[in-house]
Amino acid sequence: MAAVARHETRALLRAHLAAAVGHRHLTRHCAVCHRLLKLAMEPPAADEDGAAAGR
């Protein structure tokens, strides 16, 4: 489940960057890019790993 969420977050980041092309978009100053990148790069929660291993 966490992998799906990360995949969707990365897709949102790609879509945001694609929409911003040509509009003098500065990724390092963009709050949306910063938050999406942070979400995409965070490790999976320990609860999700434990629940998946127990099945």
PDB file of N, CA and C in Angstrom:
ATOM      1  N   MET A   1       0.818  -1.188   0.000  1.00  0.00           N
ATOM      2  CA  MET A   1       0.000   0.000   0.000  1.00  0.00           C
ATOM      3  C   MET A   1       0.867   1.260   0.000  1.00  0.00           C
ATOM      4  N   ALA A   2       1.954   1.246   0.775  1.00  0.00           N
ATOM      5  CA  ALA A   2       2.838   2.410   0.842  1.00  0.00           C
ATOM      6  C   ALA A   2       3.507   2.653  -0.504  1.00  0.00           C
ATOM      7  N   ALA A   3       3.822   1.574  -1.215  1.00  0.00           N
ATOM      8  CA  ALA A   3       4.449   1.721  -2.531  1.00  0.00           C
ATOM      9  C   ALA A   3       3.495   2.408  -3.503  1.00  0.00           C
ATOM     10  N   VAL A   4       2.231   2.109  -3.400  1.00  0.00           N
ATOM     11  CA  VAL A   4       1.229   2.738  -4.263  1.00  0.00           C
ATOM     12  C   VAL A   4       1.139   4.235  -3.949  1.00  0.00           C
ATOM     13  N   ALA A   5       1.146   4.574  -2.665  1.00  0.00           N
ATOM     14  CA  ALA A   5       1.079   5.979  -2.266  1.00  0.00           C
ATOM     15  C   ALA A   5       2.307   6.737  -2.769  1.00  0.00           C
ATOM     16  N   ARG A   6       3.490   6.127  -2.654  1.00  0.00           N
ATOM     17  CA  ARG A   6       4.707   6.780  -3.149  1.00  0.00           C
ATOM     18  C   ARG A   6       4.651   6.952  -4.656  1.00  0.00           C
ATOM     19  N   HIS A   7       4.149   5.943  -5.357  1.00  0.00           N
ATOM     20  CA  HIS A   7       4.030   6.030  -6.815  1.00  0.00           C
ATOM     21  C   HIS A   7       3.091   7.177  -7.209  1.00  0.00           C
ATOM     22  N   GLU A   8       1.966   7.288  -6.510  1.00  0.00           N
ATOM     23  CA  GLU A   8       1.007   8.358  -6.795  1.00  0.00           C
ATOM     24  C   GLU A   8       1.603   9.730  -6.485  1.00  0.00           C
ATOM     25  N   THR A   9       2.380   9.817  -5.410  1.00  0.00           N
ATOM     26  CA  THR A   9       3.017  11.084  -5.048  1.00  0.00           C
ATOM     27  C   THR A   9       4.024  11.491  -6.107  1.00  0.00           C
ATOM     28  N   ARG A  10       4.809  10.542  -6.579  1.00  0.00           N
ATOM     29  CA  ARG A  10       5.776  10.844  -7.641  1.00  0.00           C
ATOM     30  C   ARG A  10       5.068  11.263  -8.919  1.00  0.00           C
ATOM     31  N   ALA A  11       3.931  10.632  -9.211  1.00  0.00           N
ATOM     32  CA  ALA A  11       3.166  11.012 -10.396  1.00  0.00           C
ATOM     33  C   ALA A  11       2.643  12.442 -10.265  1.00  0.00           C
ATOM     34  N   LEU A  12       2.191  12.811  -9.062  1.00  0.00           N
ATOM     35  CA  LEU A  12       1.741  14.190  -8.833  1.00  0.00           C
ATOM     36  C   LEU A  12       2.881  15.180  -9.006  1.00  0.00           C
ATOM     37  N   LEU A  13       4.066  14.821  -8.531  1.00  0.00           N
ATOM     38  CA  LEU A  13       5.227  15.701  -8.684  1.00  0.00           C
ATOM     39  C   LEU A  13       5.572  15.876 -10.158  1.00  0.00           C
ATOM     40  N   ARG A  14       5.570  14.789 -10.922  1.00  0.00           N
ATOM     41  CA  ARG A  14       5.851  14.887 -12.365  1.00  0.00           C
ATOM     42  C   ARG A  14       4.810  15.741 -13.070  1.00  0.00           C
ATOM     43  N   ALA A  15       3.543  15.571 -12.715  1.00  0.00           N
ATOM     44  CA  ALA A  15       2.474  16.356 -13.337  1.00  0.00           C
ATOM     45  C   ALA A  15       2.619  17.840 -12.991  1.00  0.00           C
ATOM     46  N   HIS A  16       2.958  18.125 -11.752  1.00  0.00           N
ATOM     47  CA  HIS A  16       3.150  19.518 -11.332  1.00  0.00           C
ATOM     48  C   HIS A  16       4.297  20.150 -12.107  1.00  0.00           C
ATOM     49  N   LEU A  17       5.402  19.436 -12.232  1.00  0.00           N
ATOM     50  CA  LEU A  17       6.556  19.976 -12.959  1.00  0.00           C
ATOM     51  C   LEU A  17       6.249  20.151 -14.442  1.00  0.00           C
ATOM     52  N   ALA A  18       5.505  19.215 -15.025  1.00  0.00           N
ATOM     53  CA  ALA A  18       5.141  19.327 -16.432  1.00  0.00           C
ATOM     54  C   ALA A  18       4.256  20.560 -16.670  1.00  0.00           C
ATOM     55  N   ALA A  19       3.351  20.822 -15.743  1.00  0.00           N
ATOM     56  CA  ALA A  19       2.467  21.986 -15.883  1.00  0.00           C
ATOM     57  C   ALA A  19       3.227  23.294 -15.686  1.00  0.00           C
ATOM     58  N   ALA A  20       4.307  23.255 -14.938  1.00  0.00           N
ATOM     59  CA  ALA A  20       5.055  24.466 -14.620  1.00  0.00           C
ATOM     60  C   ALA A  20       6.118  24.809 -15.663  1.00  0.00           C
ATOM     61  N   VAL A  21       6.378  23.921 -16.590  1.00  0.00           N
ATOM     62  CA  VAL A  21       7.416  24.167 -17.601  1.00  0.00           C
ATOM     63  C   VAL A  21       7.053  25.421 -18.401  1.00  0.00           C
ATOM     64  N   GLY A  22       8.017  26.275 -18.575  1.00  0.00           N
ATOM     65  CA  GLY A  22       7.798  27.494 -19.351  1.00  0.00           C
ATOM     66  C   GLY A  22       7.241  28.655 -18.545  1.00  0.00           C
ATOM     67  N   HIS A  23       7.045  28.457 -17.268  1.00  0.00           N
ATOM     68  CA  HIS A  23       6.496  29.520 -16.427  1.00  0.00           C
ATOM     69  C   HIS A  23       7.509  29.993 -15.391  1.00  0.00           C
ATOM     70  N   ARG A  24       8.791  29.905 -15.723  1.00  0.00           N
ATOM     71  CA  ARG A  24       9.879  30.310 -14.834  1.00  0.00           C
ATOM     72  C   ARG A  24       9.756  29.665 -13.470  1.00  0.00           C
ATOM     73  N   HIS A  25       9.438  28.376 -13.472  1.00  0.00           N
ATOM     74  CA  HIS A  25       9.257  27.614 -12.241  1.00  0.00           C
ATOM     75  C   HIS A  25      10.607  27.303 -11.611  1.00  0.00           C
ATOM     76  N   LEU A  26      10.765  27.633 -10.341  1.00  0.00           N
ATOM     77  CA  LEU A  26      11.981  27.321  -9.603  1.00  0.00           C
ATOM     78  C   LEU A  26      11.655  26.249  -8.570  1.00  0.00           C
ATOM     79  N   THR A  27      12.064  25.025  -8.862  1.00  0.00           N
ATOM     80  CA  THR A  27      11.724  23.888  -8.013  1.00  0.00           C
ATOM     81  C   THR A  27      12.162  24.097  -6.569  1.00  0.00           C
ATOM     82  N   ARG A  28      13.357  24.636  -6.365  1.00  0.00           N
ATOM     83  CA  ARG A  28      13.862  24.766  -4.990  1.00  0.00           C
ATOM     84  C   ARG A  28      13.091  25.799  -4.172  1.00  0.00           C
ATOM     85  N   HIS A  29      12.323  26.671  -4.828  1.00  0.00           N
ATOM     86  CA  HIS A  29      11.542  27.680  -4.117  1.00  0.00           C
ATOM     87  C   HIS A  29      10.045  27.356  -4.086  1.00  0.00           C
ATOM     88  N   CYS A  30       9.672  26.254  -4.672  1.00  0.00           N
ATOM     89  CA  CYS A  30       8.256  25.903  -4.794  1.00  0.00           C
ATOM     90  C   CYS A  30       7.816  25.030  -3.612  1.00  0.00           C
ATOM     91  N   ALA A  31       6.830  25.491  -2.871  1.00  0.00           N
ATOM     92  CA  ALA A  31       6.339  24.742  -1.713  1.00  0.00           C
ATOM     93  C   ALA A  31       5.699  23.422  -2.123  1.00  0.00           C
ATOM     94  N   VAL A  32       5.005  23.395  -3.253  1.00  0.00           N
ATOM     95  CA  VAL A  32       4.364  22.174  -3.727  1.00  0.00           C
ATOM     96  C   VAL A  32       5.420  21.129  -4.085  1.00  0.00           C
ATOM     97  N   CYS A  33       6.438  21.530  -4.834  1.00  0.00           N
ATOM     98  CA  CYS A  33       7.513  20.600  -5.193  1.00  0.00           C
ATOM     99  C   CYS A  33       8.207  20.069  -3.945  1.00  0.00           C
ATOM    100  N   HIS A  34       8.491  20.965  -3.019  1.00  0.00           N
ATOM    101  CA  HIS A  34       9.188  20.581  -1.797  1.00  0.00           C
ATOM    102  C   HIS A  34       8.388  19.535  -1.026  1.00  0.00           C
ATOM    103  N   ARG A  35       7.091  19.766  -0.854  1.00  0.00           N
ATOM    104  CA  ARG A  35       6.244  18.836  -0.087  1.00  0.00           C
ATOM    105  C   ARG A  35       6.076  17.499  -0.809  1.00  0.00           C
ATOM    106  N   LEU A  36       5.844  17.533  -2.121  1.00  0.00           N
ATOM    107  CA  LEU A  36       5.682  16.290  -2.865  1.00  0.00           C
ATOM    108  C   LEU A  36       6.961  15.474  -2.870  1.00  0.00           C
ATOM    109  N   LEU A  37       8.085  16.131  -3.028  1.00  0.00           N
ATOM    110  CA  LEU A  37       9.359  15.427  -3.011  1.00  0.00           C
ATOM    111  C   LEU A  37       9.615  14.807  -1.640  1.00  0.00           C
ATOM    112  N   LYS A  38       9.293  15.537  -0.594  1.00  0.00           N
ATOM    113  CA  LYS A  38       9.469  15.032   0.766  1.00  0.00           C
ATOM    114  C   LYS A  38       8.592  13.795   0.993  1.00  0.00           C
ATOM    115  N   LEU A  39       7.347  13.841   0.529  1.00  0.00           N
ATOM    116  CA  LEU A  39       6.446  12.691   0.658  1.00  0.00           C
ATOM    117  C   LEU A  39       6.941  11.486  -0.134  1.00  0.00           C
ATOM    118  N   ALA A  40       7.445  11.735  -1.328  1.00  0.00           N
ATOM    119  CA  ALA A  40       7.910  10.640  -2.176  1.00  0.00           C
ATOM    120  C   ALA A  40       9.167   9.980  -1.633  1.00  0.00           C
ATOM    121  N   MET A  41       9.987  10.733  -0.916  1.00  0.00           N
ATOM    122  CA  MET A  41      11.263  10.205  -0.458  1.00  0.00           C
ATOM    123  C   MET A  41      11.223   9.633   0.957  1.00  0.00           C
ATOM    124  N   GLU A  42      10.137   9.848   1.695  1.00  0.00           N
ATOM    125  CA  GLU A  42      10.115   9.358   3.076  1.00  0.00           C
ATOM    126  C   GLU A  42      10.006   7.836   3.102  1.00  0.00           C
ATOM    127  N   PRO A  43      10.679   7.206   4.068  1.00  0.00           N
ATOM    128  CA  PRO A  43      10.646   5.749   4.164  1.00  0.00           C
ATOM    129  C   PRO A  43       9.266   5.278   4.603  1.00  0.00           C
ATOM    130  N   PRO A  44       8.917   4.040   4.279  1.00  0.00           N
ATOM    131  CA  PRO A  44       7.613   3.523   4.701  1.00  0.00           C
ATOM    132  C   PRO A  44       7.532   3.444   6.225  1.00  0.00           C
ATOM    133  N   ALA A  45       6.336   3.590   6.752  1.00  0.00           N
ATOM    134  CA  ALA A  45       6.132   3.533   8.197  1.00  0.00           C
ATOM    135  C   ALA A  45       6.347   2.103   8.691  1.00  0.00           C
ATOM    136  N   ALA A  46       6.828   1.965   9.918  1.00  0.00           N
ATOM    137  CA  ALA A  46       7.106   0.646  10.495  1.00  0.00           C
ATOM    138  C   ALA A  46       5.824  -0.171  10.641  1.00  0.00           C
ATOM    139  N   ASP A  47       4.695   0.478  10.926  1.00  0.00           N
ATOM    140  CA  ASP A  47       3.431  -0.239  11.076  1.00  0.00           C
ATOM    141  C   ASP A  47       3.018  -0.910   9.784  1.00  0.00           C
ATOM    142  N   GLU A  48       3.225  -0.255   8.676  1.00  0.00           N
ATOM    143  CA  GLU A  48       2.848  -0.827   7.383  1.00  0.00           C
ATOM    144  C   GLU A  48       3.714  -2.029   7.042  1.00  0.00           C
ATOM    145  N   ASP A  49       4.999  -1.974   7.357  1.00  0.00           N
ATOM    146  CA  ASP A  49       5.880  -3.109   7.102  1.00  0.00           C
ATOM    147  C   ASP A  49       5.500  -4.296   7.955  1.00  0.00           C
ATOM    148  N   GLY A  50       5.209  -4.054   9.214  1.00  0.00           N
ATOM    149  CA  GLY A  50       4.840  -5.133  10.112  1.00  0.00           C
ATOM    150  C   GLY A  50       3.518  -5.768   9.727  1.00  0.00           C
ATOM    151  N   ALA A  51       2.580  -4.961   9.296  1.00  0.00           N
ATOM    152  CA  ALA A  51       1.282  -5.490   8.883  1.00  0.00           C
ATOM    153  C   ALA A  51       1.394  -6.317   7.621  1.00  0.00           C
ATOM    154  N   ALA A  52       2.236  -5.881   6.695  1.00  0.00           N
ATOM    155  CA  ALA A  52       2.408  -6.622   5.446  1.00  0.00           C
ATOM    156  C   ALA A  52       3.137  -7.940   5.694  1.00  0.00           C
ATOM    157  N   ALA A  53       4.076  -7.959   6.628  1.00  0.00           N
ATOM    158  CA  ALA A  53       4.853  -9.179   6.910  1.00  0.00           C
ATOM    159  C   ALA A  53       3.992 -10.212   7.636  1.00  0.00           C
ATOM    160  N   GLY A  54       3.013  -9.752   8.394  1.00  0.00           N
ATOM    161  CA  GLY A  54       2.173 -10.673   9.167  1.00  0.00           C
ATOM    162  C   GLY A  54       1.131 -11.394   8.336  1.00  0.00           C
ATOM    163  N   ARG A  55       0.932 -10.978   7.120  1.00  0.00           N
ATOM    164  CA  ARG A  55      -0.108 -11.604   6.280  1.00  0.00           C
ATOM    165  C   ARG A  55       0.344 -12.852   5.644  1.00  0.00           C
TER     166      ARG A  55
END
